[in-house]
Amino acid sequence: MIYSVYYSNGGGNLDVLNDLSKVTGGRVFTVSPPRRSSRSTRTSPPTCASNTRLATHRPTAPNRYHKIDLRTADNTLIVQAREGYFTPK
């Protein structure tokens, strides 16, 4: 999984980061530049808290694309996974 950090100062290509992260099951975090003020402020990088579970499956059809569709019984949880994968020959 690729987790990208996009520092939104007006440059770069957010679409490329979104595509790269999405196909690997990762995510893009956007960080804005700090605003100038009379007080000293710092911006913190995004943080993630997770309760990770592992699901495994061994496909029987080689050389084929397999779509992944993971869901939870608890609709308040967010499932993060890639959309699918190819099996080798």
C-alpha atoms as a PDB file:
ATOM      1  CA  MET A   1       0.000   0.000   0.000  1.00  0.00           C
ATOM      2  CA  ILE A   2       1.195   3.476  -0.839  1.00  0.00           C
ATOM      3  CA  TYR A   3       0.289   6.321   1.477  1.00  0.00           C
ATOM      4  CA  SER A   4       1.065   9.667  -0.139  1.00  0.00           C
ATOM      5  CA  VAL A   5       1.387  13.061   1.517  1.00  0.00           C
ATOM      6  CA  TYR A   6       0.478  16.007  -0.702  1.00  0.00           C
ATOM      7  CA  TYR A   7       1.795  19.292   0.580  1.00  0.00           C
ATOM      8  CA  SER A   8      -0.731  21.676  -0.950  1.00  0.00           C
ATOM      9  CA  ASN A   9       1.367  24.698  -1.761  1.00  0.00           C
ATOM     10  CA  GLY A  10      -0.007  24.926  -5.291  1.00  0.00           C
ATOM     11  CA  GLY A  11       2.452  22.603  -7.040  1.00  0.00           C
ATOM     12  CA  GLY A  12       2.659  18.913  -7.797  1.00  0.00           C
ATOM     13  CA  ASN A  13       0.098  16.579  -9.289  1.00  0.00           C
ATOM     14  CA  LEU A  14      -2.538  15.442  -6.809  1.00  0.00           C
ATOM     15  CA  ASP A  15      -4.252  13.277  -9.456  1.00  0.00           C
ATOM     16  CA  VAL A  16      -1.139  11.110  -9.863  1.00  0.00           C
ATOM     17  CA  LEU A  17      -0.852  10.620  -6.099  1.00  0.00           C
ATOM     18  CA  ASN A  18      -4.558   9.728  -5.882  1.00  0.00           C
ATOM     19  CA  ASP A  19      -4.247   7.162  -8.687  1.00  0.00           C
ATOM     20  CA  LEU A  20      -1.086   5.597  -7.277  1.00  0.00           C
ATOM     21  CA  SER A  21      -2.458   5.359  -3.768  1.00  0.00           C
ATOM     22  CA  LYS A  22      -5.879   4.090  -4.838  1.00  0.00           C
ATOM     23  CA  VAL A  23      -4.662   1.133  -6.917  1.00  0.00           C
ATOM     24  CA  THR A  24      -2.435  -0.076  -4.082  1.00  0.00           C
ATOM     25  CA  GLY A  25      -5.102   0.286  -1.396  1.00  0.00           C
ATOM     26  CA  GLY A  26      -3.401   3.272   0.201  1.00  0.00           C
ATOM     27  CA  ARG A  27      -4.561   6.803   0.696  1.00  0.00           C
ATOM     28  CA  VAL A  28      -3.516  10.430   0.092  1.00  0.00           C
ATOM     29  CA  PHE A  29      -3.204  12.846   2.977  1.00  0.00           C
ATOM     30  CA  THR A  30      -3.278  16.550   2.112  1.00  0.00           C
ATOM     31  CA  VAL A  31      -1.308  18.900   4.318  1.00  0.00           C
ATOM     32  CA  SER A  32      -1.730  22.655   3.988  1.00  0.00           C
ATOM     33  CA  PRO A  33       1.123  25.063   4.570  1.00  0.00           C
ATOM     34  CA  PRO A  34       1.041  26.731   7.997  1.00  0.00           C
ATOM     35  CA  ARG A  35      -0.633  30.136   8.179  1.00  0.00           C
ATOM     36  CA  ARG A  36       1.459  33.014   9.408  1.00  0.00           C
ATOM     37  CA  SER A  37       0.254  34.528  12.633  1.00  0.00           C
ATOM     38  CA  SER A  38       1.616  36.386  15.599  1.00  0.00           C
ATOM     39  CA  ARG A  39       1.593  33.129  17.559  1.00  0.00           C
ATOM     40  CA  SER A  40       3.928  30.296  16.795  1.00  0.00           C
ATOM     41  CA  THR A  41       1.808  27.481  15.356  1.00  0.00           C
ATOM     42  CA  ARG A  42       2.801  24.120  13.969  1.00  0.00           C
ATOM     43  CA  THR A  43       0.862  21.853  11.713  1.00  0.00           C
ATOM     44  CA  SER A  44       0.850  18.218  12.679  1.00  0.00           C
ATOM     45  CA  PRO A  45       1.015  15.494  10.060  1.00  0.00           C
ATOM     46  CA  PRO A  46      -2.103  13.367   9.667  1.00  0.00           C
ATOM     47  CA  THR A  47      -2.361  10.440  12.024  1.00  0.00           C
ATOM     48  CA  CYS A  48      -4.052   7.101  11.683  1.00  0.00           C
ATOM     49  CA  ALA A  49      -5.455   4.813  14.290  1.00  0.00           C
ATOM     50  CA  SER A  50      -6.287   1.347  13.176  1.00  0.00           C
ATOM     51  CA  ASN A  51      -7.609  -1.945  14.357  1.00  0.00           C
ATOM     52  CA  THR A  52      -6.083  -4.124  11.673  1.00  0.00           C
ATOM     53  CA  ARG A  53      -7.448  -7.495  10.595  1.00  0.00           C
ATOM     54  CA  LEU A  54      -6.008  -9.760   7.945  1.00  0.00           C
ATOM     55  CA  ALA A  55      -8.145 -11.679   5.480  1.00  0.00           C
ATOM     56  CA  THR A  56      -6.523 -14.189   3.131  1.00  0.00           C
ATOM     57  CA  HIS A  57      -7.718 -16.009   0.045  1.00  0.00           C
ATOM     58  CA  ARG A  58      -5.923 -18.198  -2.478  1.00  0.00           C
ATOM     59  CA  PRO A  59      -7.475 -17.782  -5.955  1.00  0.00           C
ATOM     60  CA  THR A  60      -7.707 -20.837  -8.200  1.00  0.00           C
ATOM     61  CA  ALA A  61      -7.818 -19.013 -11.555  1.00  0.00           C
ATOM     62  CA  PRO A  62      -4.305 -17.981 -12.711  1.00  0.00           C
ATOM     63  CA  ASN A  63      -3.534 -15.041 -15.011  1.00  0.00           C
ATOM     64  CA  ARG A  64      -6.739 -13.238 -14.154  1.00  0.00           C
ATOM     65  CA  TYR A  65      -7.914 -10.067 -12.402  1.00  0.00           C
ATOM     66  CA  HIS A  66      -9.665 -10.605  -9.068  1.00  0.00           C
ATOM     67  CA  LYS A  67     -11.849  -7.834  -7.664  1.00  0.00           C
ATOM     68  CA  ILE A  68     -11.749  -7.238  -3.910  1.00  0.00           C
ATOM     69  CA  ASP A  69     -14.915  -6.205  -2.081  1.00  0.00           C
ATOM     70  CA  LEU A  70     -14.458  -6.028   1.694  1.00  0.00           C
ATOM     71  CA  ARG A  71     -17.204  -4.864   4.034  1.00  0.00           C
ATOM     72  CA  THR A  72     -17.782  -4.744   7.773  1.00  0.00           C
ATOM     73  CA  ALA A  73     -20.887  -5.417   9.802  1.00  0.00           C
ATOM     74  CA  ASP A  74     -20.239  -2.096  11.577  1.00  0.00           C
ATOM     75  CA  ASN A  75     -21.048   0.713   9.122  1.00  0.00           C
ATOM     76  CA  THR A  76     -19.114   3.239  11.200  1.00  0.00           C
ATOM     77  CA  LEU A  77     -15.832   1.528  10.266  1.00  0.00           C
ATOM     78  CA  ILE A  78     -13.930   2.342   7.077  1.00  0.00           C
ATOM     79  CA  VAL A  79     -12.438  -0.518   5.079  1.00  0.00           C
ATOM     80  CA  GLN A  80      -9.267   0.380   3.225  1.00  0.00           C
ATOM     81  CA  ALA A  81      -8.057  -2.085   0.609  1.00  0.00           C
ATOM     82  CA  ARG A  82      -6.958  -2.108  -2.978  1.00  0.00           C
ATOM     83  CA  GLU A  83      -9.635  -2.656  -5.633  1.00  0.00           C
ATOM     84  CA  GLY A  84      -8.227  -5.928  -6.934  1.00  0.00           C
ATOM     85  CA  TYR A  85      -5.163  -7.813  -8.128  1.00  0.00           C
ATOM     86  CA  PHE A  86      -3.848 -10.044 -10.902  1.00  0.00           C
ATOM     87  CA  THR A  87      -2.747 -13.610 -10.185  1.00  0.00           C
ATOM     88  CA  PRO A  88       0.452 -14.781 -11.862  1.00  0.00           C
ATOM     89  CA  LYS A  89       0.487 -17.531 -14.493  1.00  0.00           C
END
